[in-house]
Amino acid sequence: MARMSAPKFKARKGKEKLVCLTAYDFITASILDDADVDMLLVGDSLANVVLGLETTLPVTLDEMVSHAKAVMRARPKALVIADMPFLTYHISIEETLRNAGRLI
């Protein structure tokens, strides 16, 4: 599979099935990428699944960045998508863009 990009994703949308699975770490990202998954989601649900928190609200942007970096170290062909945690957006446009930039 060639590297997935936003334009490739858009071109395939509605024409064929796309597969998105969650990865929070290097090894999972590597395994899923070897299986030709189209997209890898680093979701804020890592708060519950990985960190053992009761809700997703306490997960921080630093934690999301750390897990996104671990997934990216797997050099995936898949498009990697990362959630922005609660209170890292809808504050102001400037703050939202600054926080989004940390995930890029």
PDB file of N, CA and C in Angstrom:
ATOM      1  N   MET A   1       0.843  -1.178   0.000  1.00  0.00           N
ATOM      2  CA  MET A   1       0.000   0.000   0.000  1.00  0.00           C
ATOM      3  C   MET A   1       0.889   1.242   0.000  1.00  0.00           C
ATOM      4  N   ALA A   2       0.561   2.193  -0.842  1.00  0.00           N
ATOM      5  CA  ALA A   2       1.282   3.470  -0.855  1.00  0.00           C
ATOM      6  C   ALA A   2       0.829   4.314   0.333  1.00  0.00           C
ATOM      7  N   ARG A   3       1.649   5.276   0.701  1.00  0.00           N
ATOM      8  CA  ARG A   3       1.329   6.129   1.843  1.00  0.00           C
ATOM      9  C   ARG A   3      -0.008   6.839   1.621  1.00  0.00           C
ATOM     10  N   MET A   4      -0.886   6.777   2.626  1.00  0.00           N
ATOM     11  CA  MET A   4      -2.186   7.443   2.571  1.00  0.00           C
ATOM     12  C   MET A   4      -1.972   8.926   2.847  1.00  0.00           C
ATOM     13  N   SER A   5      -2.681   9.747   2.112  1.00  0.00           N
ATOM     14  CA  SER A   5      -2.621  11.194   2.316  1.00  0.00           C
ATOM     15  C   SER A   5      -4.047  11.723   2.357  1.00  0.00           C
ATOM     16  N   ALA A   6      -4.200  12.955   2.788  1.00  0.00           N
ATOM     17  CA  ALA A   6      -5.534  13.550   2.829  1.00  0.00           C
ATOM     18  C   ALA A   6      -6.182  13.575   1.440  1.00  0.00           C
ATOM     19  N   PRO A   7      -5.462  13.968   0.369  1.00  0.00           N
ATOM     20  CA  PRO A   7      -6.089  13.926  -0.959  1.00  0.00           C
ATOM     21  C   PRO A   7      -6.486  12.507  -1.395  1.00  0.00           C
ATOM     22  N   LYS A   8      -5.650  11.506  -1.087  1.00  0.00           N
ATOM     23  CA  LYS A   8      -5.993  10.119  -1.429  1.00  0.00           C
ATOM     24  C   LYS A   8      -7.220   9.670  -0.645  1.00  0.00           C
ATOM     25  N   PHE A   9      -7.275  10.061   0.621  1.00  0.00           N
ATOM     26  CA  PHE A   9      -8.421   9.736   1.467  1.00  0.00           C
ATOM     27  C   PHE A   9      -9.694  10.320   0.852  1.00  0.00           C
ATOM     28  N   LYS A  10      -9.640  11.584   0.474  1.00  0.00           N
ATOM     29  CA  LYS A  10     -10.806  12.261  -0.102  1.00  0.00           C
ATOM     30  C   LYS A  10     -11.233  11.597  -1.412  1.00  0.00           C
ATOM     31  N   ALA A  11     -10.273  11.206  -2.227  1.00  0.00           N
ATOM     32  CA  ALA A  11     -10.581  10.565  -3.509  1.00  0.00           C
ATOM     33  C   ALA A  11     -11.265   9.209  -3.317  1.00  0.00           C
ATOM     34  N   ARG A  12     -10.916   8.499  -2.263  1.00  0.00           N
ATOM     35  CA  ARG A  12     -11.489   7.168  -2.012  1.00  0.00           C
ATOM     36  C   ARG A  12     -12.810   7.227  -1.259  1.00  0.00           C
ATOM     37  N   LYS A  13     -13.054   8.328  -0.545  1.00  0.00           N
ATOM     38  CA  LYS A  13     -14.246   8.459   0.294  1.00  0.00           C
ATOM     39  C   LYS A  13     -15.512   8.274  -0.542  1.00  0.00           C
ATOM     40  N   GLY A  14     -16.378   7.383  -0.077  1.00  0.00           N
ATOM     41  CA  GLY A  14     -17.636   7.120  -0.752  1.00  0.00           C
ATOM     42  C   GLY A  14     -17.533   6.171  -1.930  1.00  0.00           C
ATOM     43  N   LYS A  15     -16.324   5.819  -2.321  1.00  0.00           N
ATOM     44  CA  LYS A  15     -16.124   4.932  -3.470  1.00  0.00           C
ATOM     45  C   LYS A  15     -15.693   3.535  -3.048  1.00  0.00           C
ATOM     46  N   GLU A  16     -14.983   3.461  -1.954  1.00  0.00           N
ATOM     47  CA  GLU A  16     -14.547   2.166  -1.437  1.00  0.00           C
ATOM     48  C   GLU A  16     -14.433   2.266   0.078  1.00  0.00           C
ATOM     49  N   LYS A  17     -14.455   1.134   0.718  1.00  0.00           N
ATOM     50  CA  LYS A  17     -14.370   1.126   2.174  1.00  0.00           C
ATOM     51  C   LYS A  17     -12.978   1.526   2.628  1.00  0.00           C
ATOM     52  N   LEU A  18     -12.962   2.327   3.667  1.00  0.00           N
ATOM     53  CA  LEU A  18     -11.713   2.730   4.307  1.00  0.00           C
ATOM     54  C   LEU A  18     -11.689   2.120   5.702  1.00  0.00           C
ATOM     55  N   VAL A  19     -10.524   1.704   6.135  1.00  0.00           N
ATOM     56  CA  VAL A  19     -10.384   1.065   7.442  1.00  0.00           C
ATOM     57  C   VAL A  19      -9.609   1.984   8.371  1.00  0.00           C
ATOM     58  N   CYS A  20     -10.193   2.246   9.539  1.00  0.00           N
ATOM     59  CA  CYS A  20      -9.542   3.055  10.568  1.00  0.00           C
ATOM     60  C   CYS A  20      -9.560   2.270  11.873  1.00  0.00           C
ATOM     61  N   LEU A  21      -8.403   2.096  12.473  1.00  0.00           N
ATOM     62  CA  LEU A  21      -8.298   1.424  13.766  1.00  0.00           C
ATOM     63  C   LEU A  21      -7.479   2.289  14.709  1.00  0.00           C
ATOM     64  N   THR A  22      -7.637   2.022  15.985  1.00  0.00           N
ATOM     65  CA  THR A  22      -6.966   2.819  17.007  1.00  0.00           C
ATOM     66  C   THR A  22      -5.601   2.242  17.341  1.00  0.00           C
ATOM     67  N   ALA A  23      -4.636   3.135  17.470  1.00  0.00           N
ATOM     68  CA  ALA A  23      -3.288   2.759  17.916  1.00  0.00           C
ATOM     69  C   ALA A  23      -2.813   3.819  18.894  1.00  0.00           C
ATOM     70  N   TYR A  24      -2.279   3.365  20.001  1.00  0.00           N
ATOM     71  CA  TYR A  24      -1.767   4.290  21.017  1.00  0.00           C
ATOM     72  C   TYR A  24      -0.260   4.182  21.187  1.00  0.00           C
ATOM     73  N   ASP A  25       0.374   3.213  20.483  1.00  0.00           N
ATOM     74  CA  ASP A  25       1.796   2.966  20.715  1.00  0.00           C
ATOM     75  C   ASP A  25       2.479   2.471  19.442  1.00  0.00           C
ATOM     76  N   PHE A  26       3.786   2.393  19.511  1.00  0.00           N
ATOM     77  CA  PHE A  26       4.625   2.004  18.375  1.00  0.00           C
ATOM     78  C   PHE A  26       4.284   0.610  17.854  1.00  0.00           C
ATOM     79  N   ILE A  27       4.218  -0.376  18.737  1.00  0.00           N
ATOM     80  CA  ILE A  27       4.041  -1.763  18.288  1.00  0.00           C
ATOM     81  C   ILE A  27       2.679  -1.968  17.650  1.00  0.00           C
ATOM     82  N   THR A  28       1.637  -1.395  18.237  1.00  0.00           N
ATOM     83  CA  THR A  28       0.298  -1.524  17.652  1.00  0.00           C
ATOM     84  C   THR A  28       0.249  -0.844  16.288  1.00  0.00           C
ATOM     85  N   ALA A  29       0.831   0.337  16.189  1.00  0.00           N
ATOM     86  CA  ALA A  29       0.869   1.048  14.906  1.00  0.00           C
ATOM     87  C   ALA A  29       1.607   0.227  13.854  1.00  0.00           C
ATOM     88  N   SER A  30       2.698  -0.406  14.236  1.00  0.00           N
ATOM     89  CA  SER A  30       3.465  -1.237  13.301  1.00  0.00           C
ATOM     90  C   SER A  30       2.642  -2.414  12.797  1.00  0.00           C
ATOM     91  N   ILE A  31       1.970  -3.094  13.710  1.00  0.00           N
ATOM     92  CA  ILE A  31       1.158  -4.260  13.340  1.00  0.00           C
ATOM     93  C   ILE A  31       0.008  -3.854  12.422  1.00  0.00           C
ATOM     94  N   LEU A  32      -0.700  -2.791  12.795  1.00  0.00           N
ATOM     95  CA  LEU A  32      -1.841  -2.349  11.991  1.00  0.00           C
ATOM     96  C   LEU A  32      -1.396  -1.832  10.628  1.00  0.00           C
ATOM     97  N   ASP A  33      -0.256  -1.175  10.591  1.00  0.00           N
ATOM     98  CA  ASP A  33       0.238  -0.677   9.312  1.00  0.00           C
ATOM     99  C   ASP A  33       0.646  -1.832   8.400  1.00  0.00           C
ATOM    100  N   ASP A  34       1.240  -2.868   8.975  1.00  0.00           N
ATOM    101  CA  ASP A  34       1.583  -4.055   8.183  1.00  0.00           C
ATOM    102  C   ASP A  34       0.330  -4.719   7.604  1.00  0.00           C
ATOM    103  N   ALA A  35      -0.810  -4.515   8.278  1.00  0.00           N
ATOM    104  CA  ALA A  35      -2.082  -5.074   7.807  1.00  0.00           C
ATOM    105  C   ALA A  35      -2.774  -4.147   6.805  1.00  0.00           C
ATOM    106  N   ASP A  36      -2.075  -3.092   6.388  1.00  0.00           N
ATOM    107  CA  ASP A  36      -2.591  -2.137   5.398  1.00  0.00           C
ATOM    108  C   ASP A  36      -3.857  -1.409   5.838  1.00  0.00           C
ATOM    109  N   VAL A  37      -3.925  -1.079   7.115  1.00  0.00           N
ATOM    110  CA  VAL A  37      -5.011  -0.231   7.609  1.00  0.00           C
ATOM    111  C   VAL A  37      -4.828   1.153   6.988  1.00  0.00           C
ATOM    112  N   ASP A  38      -5.920   1.767   6.563  1.00  0.00           N
ATOM    113  CA  ASP A  38      -5.841   3.063   5.879  1.00  0.00           C
ATOM    114  C   ASP A  38      -5.539   4.226   6.817  1.00  0.00           C
ATOM    115  N   MET A  39      -6.128   4.190   8.010  1.00  0.00           N
ATOM    116  CA  MET A  39      -5.965   5.285   8.969  1.00  0.00           C
ATOM    117  C   MET A  39      -5.734   4.725  10.361  1.00  0.00           C
ATOM    118  N   LEU A  40      -4.893   5.410  11.120  1.00  0.00           N
ATOM    119  CA  LEU A  40      -4.658   5.068  12.518  1.00  0.00           C
ATOM    120  C   LEU A  40      -5.137   6.239  13.363  1.00  0.00           C
ATOM    121  N   LEU A  41      -5.993   5.951  14.330  1.00  0.00           N
ATOM    122  CA  LEU A  41      -6.521   6.983  15.214  1.00  0.00           C
ATOM    123  C   LEU A  41      -5.837   6.911  16.567  1.00  0.00           C
ATOM    124  N   VAL A  42      -5.242   8.012  16.969  1.00  0.00           N
ATOM    125  CA  VAL A  42      -4.736   8.157  18.332  1.00  0.00           C
ATOM    126  C   VAL A  42      -5.836   8.927  19.053  1.00  0.00           C
ATOM    127  N   GLY A  43      -6.732   8.191  19.680  1.00  0.00           N
ATOM    128  CA  GLY A  43      -7.914   8.795  20.278  1.00  0.00           C
ATOM    129  C   GLY A  43      -7.712   9.193  21.725  1.00  0.00           C
ATOM    130  N   ASP A  44      -8.506  10.176  22.150  1.00  0.00           N
ATOM    131  CA  ASP A  44      -8.425  10.588  23.552  1.00  0.00           C
ATOM    132  C   ASP A  44      -8.934   9.499  24.486  1.00  0.00           C
ATOM    133  N   SER A  45      -9.509   8.434  23.911  1.00  0.00           N
ATOM    134  CA  SER A  45      -9.910   7.284  24.718  1.00  0.00           C
ATOM    135  C   SER A  45      -8.706   6.585  25.332  1.00  0.00           C
ATOM    136  N   LEU A  46      -7.495   6.975  24.936  1.00  0.00           N
ATOM    137  CA  LEU A  46      -6.308   6.437  25.606  1.00  0.00           C
ATOM    138  C   LEU A  46      -6.356   6.768  27.094  1.00  0.00           C
ATOM    139  N   ALA A  47      -7.104   7.797  27.451  1.00  0.00           N
ATOM    140  CA  ALA A  47      -7.285   8.126  28.867  1.00  0.00           C
ATOM    141  C   ALA A  47      -7.845   6.929  29.622  1.00  0.00           C
ATOM    142  N   ASN A  48      -8.844   6.263  29.034  1.00  0.00           N
ATOM    143  CA  ASN A  48      -9.468   5.110  29.674  1.00  0.00           C
ATOM    144  C   ASN A  48      -8.673   3.831  29.454  1.00  0.00           C
ATOM    145  N   VAL A  49      -8.300   3.593  28.201  1.00  0.00           N
ATOM    146  CA  VAL A  49      -7.722   2.313  27.800  1.00  0.00           C
ATOM    147  C   VAL A  49      -6.280   2.141  28.259  1.00  0.00           C
ATOM    148  N   VAL A  50      -5.494   3.200  28.179  1.00  0.00           N
ATOM    149  CA  VAL A  50      -4.066   3.114  28.498  1.00  0.00           C
ATOM    150  C   VAL A  50      -3.756   3.671  29.881  1.00  0.00           C
ATOM    151  N   LEU A  51      -4.350   4.815  30.197  1.00  0.00           N
ATOM    152  CA  LEU A  51      -3.998   5.506  31.439  1.00  0.00           C
ATOM    153  C   LEU A  51      -4.886   5.139  32.625  1.00  0.00           C
ATOM    154  N   GLY A  52      -5.970   4.409  32.380  1.00  0.00           N
ATOM    155  CA  GLY A  52      -6.834   3.953  33.459  1.00  0.00           C
ATOM    156  C   GLY A  52      -7.695   5.034  34.087  1.00  0.00           C
ATOM    157  N   LEU A  53      -7.923   6.110  33.363  1.00  0.00           N
ATOM    158  CA  LEU A  53      -8.760   7.190  33.884  1.00  0.00           C
ATOM    159  C   LEU A  53     -10.235   6.866  33.646  1.00  0.00           C
ATOM    160  N   GLU A  54     -11.105   7.439  34.459  1.00  0.00           N
ATOM    161  CA  GLU A  54     -12.538   7.141  34.354  1.00  0.00           C
ATOM    162  C   GLU A  54     -13.189   7.782  33.140  1.00  0.00           C
ATOM    163  N   THR A  55     -12.700   8.953  32.739  1.00  0.00           N
ATOM    164  CA  THR A  55     -13.246   9.647  31.575  1.00  0.00           C
ATOM    165  C   THR A  55     -12.085  10.135  30.711  1.00  0.00           C
ATOM    166  N   THR A  56     -12.428  10.672  29.558  1.00  0.00           N
ATOM    167  CA  THR A  56     -11.402  11.221  28.674  1.00  0.00           C
ATOM    168  C   THR A  56     -11.043  12.657  29.038  1.00  0.00           C
ATOM    169  N   LEU A  57     -11.806  13.274  29.907  1.00  0.00           N
ATOM    170  CA  LEU A  57     -11.601  14.696  30.215  1.00  0.00           C
ATOM    171  C   LEU A  57     -10.218  15.038  30.755  1.00  0.00           C
ATOM    172  N   PRO A  58      -9.606  14.224  31.613  1.00  0.00           N
ATOM    173  CA  PRO A  58      -8.304  14.625  32.159  1.00  0.00           C
ATOM    174  C   PRO A  58      -7.102  14.434  31.234  1.00  0.00           C
ATOM    175  N   VAL A  59      -7.269  13.739  30.096  1.00  0.00           N
ATOM    176  CA  VAL A  59      -6.102  13.511  29.241  1.00  0.00           C
ATOM    177  C   VAL A  59      -5.590  14.861  28.737  1.00  0.00           C
ATOM    178  N   THR A  60      -4.274  14.997  28.714  1.00  0.00           N
ATOM    179  CA  THR A  60      -3.668  16.280  28.356  1.00  0.00           C
ATOM    180  C   THR A  60      -3.172  16.277  26.916  1.00  0.00           C
ATOM    181  N   LEU A  61      -2.943  17.460  26.416  1.00  0.00           N
ATOM    182  CA  LEU A  61      -2.367  17.586  25.079  1.00  0.00           C
ATOM    183  C   LEU A  61      -0.971  16.970  25.051  1.00  0.00           C
ATOM    184  N   ASP A  62      -0.196  17.154  26.113  1.00  0.00           N
ATOM    185  CA  ASP A  62       1.141  16.545  26.170  1.00  0.00           C
ATOM    186  C   ASP A  62       1.065  15.026  26.044  1.00  0.00           C
ATOM    187  N   GLU A  63       0.075  14.406  26.697  1.00  0.00           N
ATOM    188  CA  GLU A  63      -0.080  12.951  26.599  1.00  0.00           C
ATOM    189  C   GLU A  63      -0.475  12.544  25.179  1.00  0.00           C
ATOM    190  N   MET A  64      -1.361  13.302  24.564  1.00  0.00           N
ATOM    191  CA  MET A  64      -1.764  13.002  23.188  1.00  0.00           C
ATOM    192  C   MET A  64      -0.579  13.137  22.232  1.00  0.00           C
ATOM    193  N   VAL A  65       0.207  14.182  22.419  1.00  0.00           N
ATOM    194  CA  VAL A  65       1.391  14.384  21.571  1.00  0.00           C
ATOM    195  C   VAL A  65       2.364  13.222  21.749  1.00  0.00           C
ATOM    196  N   SER A  66       2.586  12.803  22.977  1.00  0.00           N
ATOM    197  CA  SER A  66       3.510  11.704  23.253  1.00  0.00           C
ATOM    198  C   SER A  66       3.068  10.417  22.552  1.00  0.00           C
ATOM    199  N   HIS A  67       1.794  10.092  22.645  1.00  0.00           N
ATOM    200  CA  HIS A  67       1.298   8.867  22.011  1.00  0.00           C
ATOM    201  C   HIS A  67       1.279   8.997  20.490  1.00  0.00           C
ATOM    202  N   ALA A  68       0.948  10.172  19.978  1.00  0.00           N
ATOM    203  CA  ALA A  68       0.979  10.387  18.523  1.00  0.00           C
ATOM    204  C   ALA A  68       2.404  10.225  17.991  1.00  0.00           C
ATOM    205  N   LYS A  69       3.377  10.725  18.737  1.00  0.00           N
ATOM    206  CA  LYS A  69       4.776  10.569  18.324  1.00  0.00           C
ATOM    207  C   LYS A  69       5.180   9.099  18.304  1.00  0.00           C
ATOM    208  N   ALA A  70       4.727   8.336  19.299  1.00  0.00           N
ATOM    209  CA  ALA A  70       5.043   6.905  19.338  1.00  0.00           C
ATOM    210  C   ALA A  70       4.469   6.199  18.114  1.00  0.00           C
ATOM    211  N   VAL A  71       3.244   6.545  17.752  1.00  0.00           N
ATOM    212  CA  VAL A  71       2.613   5.953  16.567  1.00  0.00           C
ATOM    213  C   VAL A  71       3.381   6.357  15.313  1.00  0.00           C
ATOM    214  N   MET A  72       3.761   7.604  15.212  1.00  0.00           N
ATOM    215  CA  MET A  72       4.487   8.083  14.031  1.00  0.00           C
ATOM    216  C   MET A  72       5.882   7.469  13.911  1.00  0.00           C
ATOM    217  N   ARG A  73       6.483   7.091  15.029  1.00  0.00           N
ATOM    218  CA  ARG A  73       7.801   6.443  14.969  1.00  0.00           C
ATOM    219  C   ARG A  73       7.740   5.099  14.251  1.00  0.00           C
ATOM    220  N   ALA A  74       6.549   4.534  14.130  1.00  0.00           N
ATOM    221  CA  ALA A  74       6.376   3.280  13.386  1.00  0.00           C
ATOM    222  C   ALA A  74       6.459   3.523  11.877  1.00  0.00           C
ATOM    223  N   ARG A  75       6.580   4.781  11.464  1.00  0.00           N
ATOM    224  CA  ARG A  75       6.669   5.182  10.051  1.00  0.00           C
ATOM    225  C   ARG A  75       5.500   4.606   9.251  1.00  0.00           C
ATOM    226  N   PRO A  76       4.280   4.805   9.733  1.00  0.00           N
ATOM    227  CA  PRO A  76       3.132   4.179   9.065  1.00  0.00           C
ATOM    228  C   PRO A  76       2.849   4.760   7.683  1.00  0.00           C
ATOM    229  N   LYS A  77       2.338   3.879   6.818  1.00  0.00           N
ATOM    230  CA  LYS A  77       1.827   4.320   5.520  1.00  0.00           C
ATOM    231  C   LYS A  77       0.428   4.888   5.703  1.00  0.00           C
ATOM    232  N   ALA A  78      -0.217   4.485   6.779  1.00  0.00           N
ATOM    233  CA  ALA A  78      -1.571   4.935   7.082  1.00  0.00           C
ATOM    234  C   ALA A  78      -1.586   6.426   7.431  1.00  0.00           C
ATOM    235  N   LEU A  79      -2.730   7.041   7.214  1.00  0.00           N
ATOM    236  CA  LEU A  79      -2.952   8.415   7.638  1.00  0.00           C
ATOM    237  C   LEU A  79      -3.164   8.388   9.147  1.00  0.00           C
ATOM    238  N   VAL A  80      -2.410   9.171   9.887  1.00  0.00           N
ATOM    239  CA  VAL A  80      -2.526   9.191  11.349  1.00  0.00           C
ATOM    240  C   VAL A  80      -3.381  10.385  11.757  1.00  0.00           C
ATOM    241  N   ILE A  81      -4.395  10.103  12.559  1.00  0.00           N
ATOM    242  CA  ILE A  81      -5.319  11.116  13.053  1.00  0.00           C
ATOM    243  C   ILE A  81      -5.212  11.119  14.572  1.00  0.00           C
ATOM    244  N   ALA A  82      -5.112  12.299  15.170  1.00  0.00           N
ATOM    245  CA  ALA A  82      -5.031  12.400  16.633  1.00  0.00           C
ATOM    246  C   ALA A  82      -6.122  13.335  17.143  1.00  0.00           C
ATOM    247  N   ASP A  83      -6.789  12.913  18.196  1.00  0.00           N
ATOM    248  CA  ASP A  83      -7.802  13.755  18.836  1.00  0.00           C
ATOM    249  C   ASP A  83      -7.151  14.912  19.575  1.00  0.00           C
ATOM    250  N   MET A  84      -7.859  16.014  19.602  1.00  0.00           N
ATOM    251  CA  MET A  84      -7.470  17.128  20.469  1.00  0.00           C
ATOM    252  C   MET A  84      -8.278  16.982  21.752  1.00  0.00           C
ATOM    253  N   PRO A  85      -7.616  16.926  22.897  1.00  0.00           N
ATOM    254  CA  PRO A  85      -8.333  16.725  24.149  1.00  0.00           C
ATOM    255  C   PRO A  85      -9.230  17.905  24.517  1.00  0.00           C
ATOM    256  N   PHE A  86     -10.141  17.618  25.425  1.00  0.00           N
ATOM    257  CA  PHE A  86     -11.062  18.617  25.960  1.00  0.00           C
ATOM    258  C   PHE A  86     -10.287  19.849  26.434  1.00  0.00           C
ATOM    259  N   LEU A  87     -10.826  20.998  26.130  1.00  0.00           N
ATOM    260  CA  LEU A  87     -10.276  22.310  26.498  1.00  0.00           C
ATOM    261  C   LEU A  87      -8.980  22.676  25.770  1.00  0.00           C
ATOM    262  N   THR A  88      -8.684  21.997  24.665  1.00  0.00           N
ATOM    263  CA  THR A  88      -7.548  22.432  23.838  1.00  0.00           C
ATOM    264  C   THR A  88      -8.042  23.104  22.564  1.00  0.00           C
ATOM    265  N   TYR A  89      -9.339  23.216  22.427  1.00  0.00           N
ATOM    266  CA  TYR A  89      -9.969  23.881  21.281  1.00  0.00           C
ATOM    267  C   TYR A  89     -11.181  24.656  21.802  1.00  0.00           C
ATOM    268  N   HIS A  90     -11.763  25.470  20.988  1.00  0.00           N
ATOM    269  CA  HIS A  90     -12.900  26.328  21.359  1.00  0.00           C
ATOM    270  C   HIS A  90     -12.537  27.362  22.416  1.00  0.00           C
ATOM    271  N   ILE A  91     -11.273  27.600  22.628  1.00  0.00           N
ATOM    272  CA  ILE A  91     -10.847  28.651  23.554  1.00  0.00           C
ATOM    273  C   ILE A  91     -10.740  29.939  22.755  1.00  0.00           C
ATOM    274  N   SER A  92      -9.889  29.909  21.775  1.00  0.00           N
ATOM    275  CA  SER A  92      -9.750  30.984  20.798  1.00  0.00           C
ATOM    276  C   SER A  92      -9.178  30.345  19.543  1.00  0.00           C
ATOM    277  N   ILE A  93      -9.327  31.021  18.432  1.00  0.00           N
ATOM    278  CA  ILE A  93      -8.783  30.485  17.180  1.00  0.00           C
ATOM    279  C   ILE A  93      -7.273  30.324  17.294  1.00  0.00           C
ATOM    280  N   GLU A  94      -6.617  31.313  17.873  1.00  0.00           N
ATOM    281  CA  GLU A  94      -5.155  31.274  17.994  1.00  0.00           C
ATOM    282  C   GLU A  94      -4.699  30.093  18.848  1.00  0.00           C
ATOM    283  N   GLU A  95      -5.357  29.915  19.999  1.00  0.00           N
ATOM    284  CA  GLU A  95      -4.981  28.817  20.906  1.00  0.00           C
ATOM    285  C   GLU A  95      -5.278  27.461  20.261  1.00  0.00           C
ATOM    286  N   THR A  96      -6.398  27.360  19.579  1.00  0.00           N
ATOM    287  CA  THR A  96      -6.746  26.115  18.889  1.00  0.00           C
ATOM    288  C   THR A  96      -5.703  25.771  17.833  1.00  0.00           C
ATOM    289  N   LEU A  97      -5.305  26.756  17.041  1.00  0.00           N
ATOM    290  CA  LEU A  97      -4.291  26.521  16.007  1.00  0.00           C
ATOM    291  C   LEU A  97      -2.942  26.160  16.613  1.00  0.00           C
ATOM    292  N   ARG A  98      -2.572  26.811  17.696  1.00  0.00           N
ATOM    293  CA  ARG A  98      -1.305  26.499  18.368  1.00  0.00           C
ATOM    294  C   ARG A  98      -1.331  25.054  18.876  1.00  0.00           C
ATOM    295  N   ASN A  99      -2.437  24.658  19.491  1.00  0.00           N
ATOM    296  CA  ASN A  99      -2.548  23.296  20.010  1.00  0.00           C
ATOM    297  C   ASN A  99      -2.577  22.269  18.880  1.00  0.00           C
ATOM    298  N   ALA A 100      -3.306  22.562  17.807  1.00  0.00           N
ATOM    299  CA  ALA A 100      -3.342  21.646  16.657  1.00  0.00           C
ATOM    300  C   ALA A 100      -1.949  21.504  16.055  1.00  0.00           C
ATOM    301  N   GLY A 101      -1.218  22.601  16.022  1.00  0.00           N
ATOM    302  CA  GLY A 101       0.141  22.574  15.484  1.00  0.00           C
ATOM    303  C   GLY A 101       1.059  21.637  16.241  1.00  0.00           C
ATOM    304  N   ARG A 102       0.817  21.457  17.513  1.00  0.00           N
ATOM    305  CA  ARG A 102       1.640  20.528  18.300  1.00  0.00           C
ATOM    306  C   ARG A 102       1.404  19.084  17.879  1.00  0.00           C
ATOM    307  N   LEU A 103       0.239  18.806  17.323  1.00  0.00           N
ATOM    308  CA  LEU A 103      -0.076  17.440  16.899  1.00  0.00           C
ATOM    309  C   LEU A 103       0.351  17.154  15.460  1.00  0.00           C
ATOM    310  N   ILE A 104       0.741  18.185  14.748  1.00  0.00           N
ATOM    311  CA  ILE A 104       1.128  17.994  13.344  1.00  0.00           C
ATOM    312  C   ILE A 104       2.603  17.621  13.258  1.00  0.00           C
TER     313      ILE A 104
END
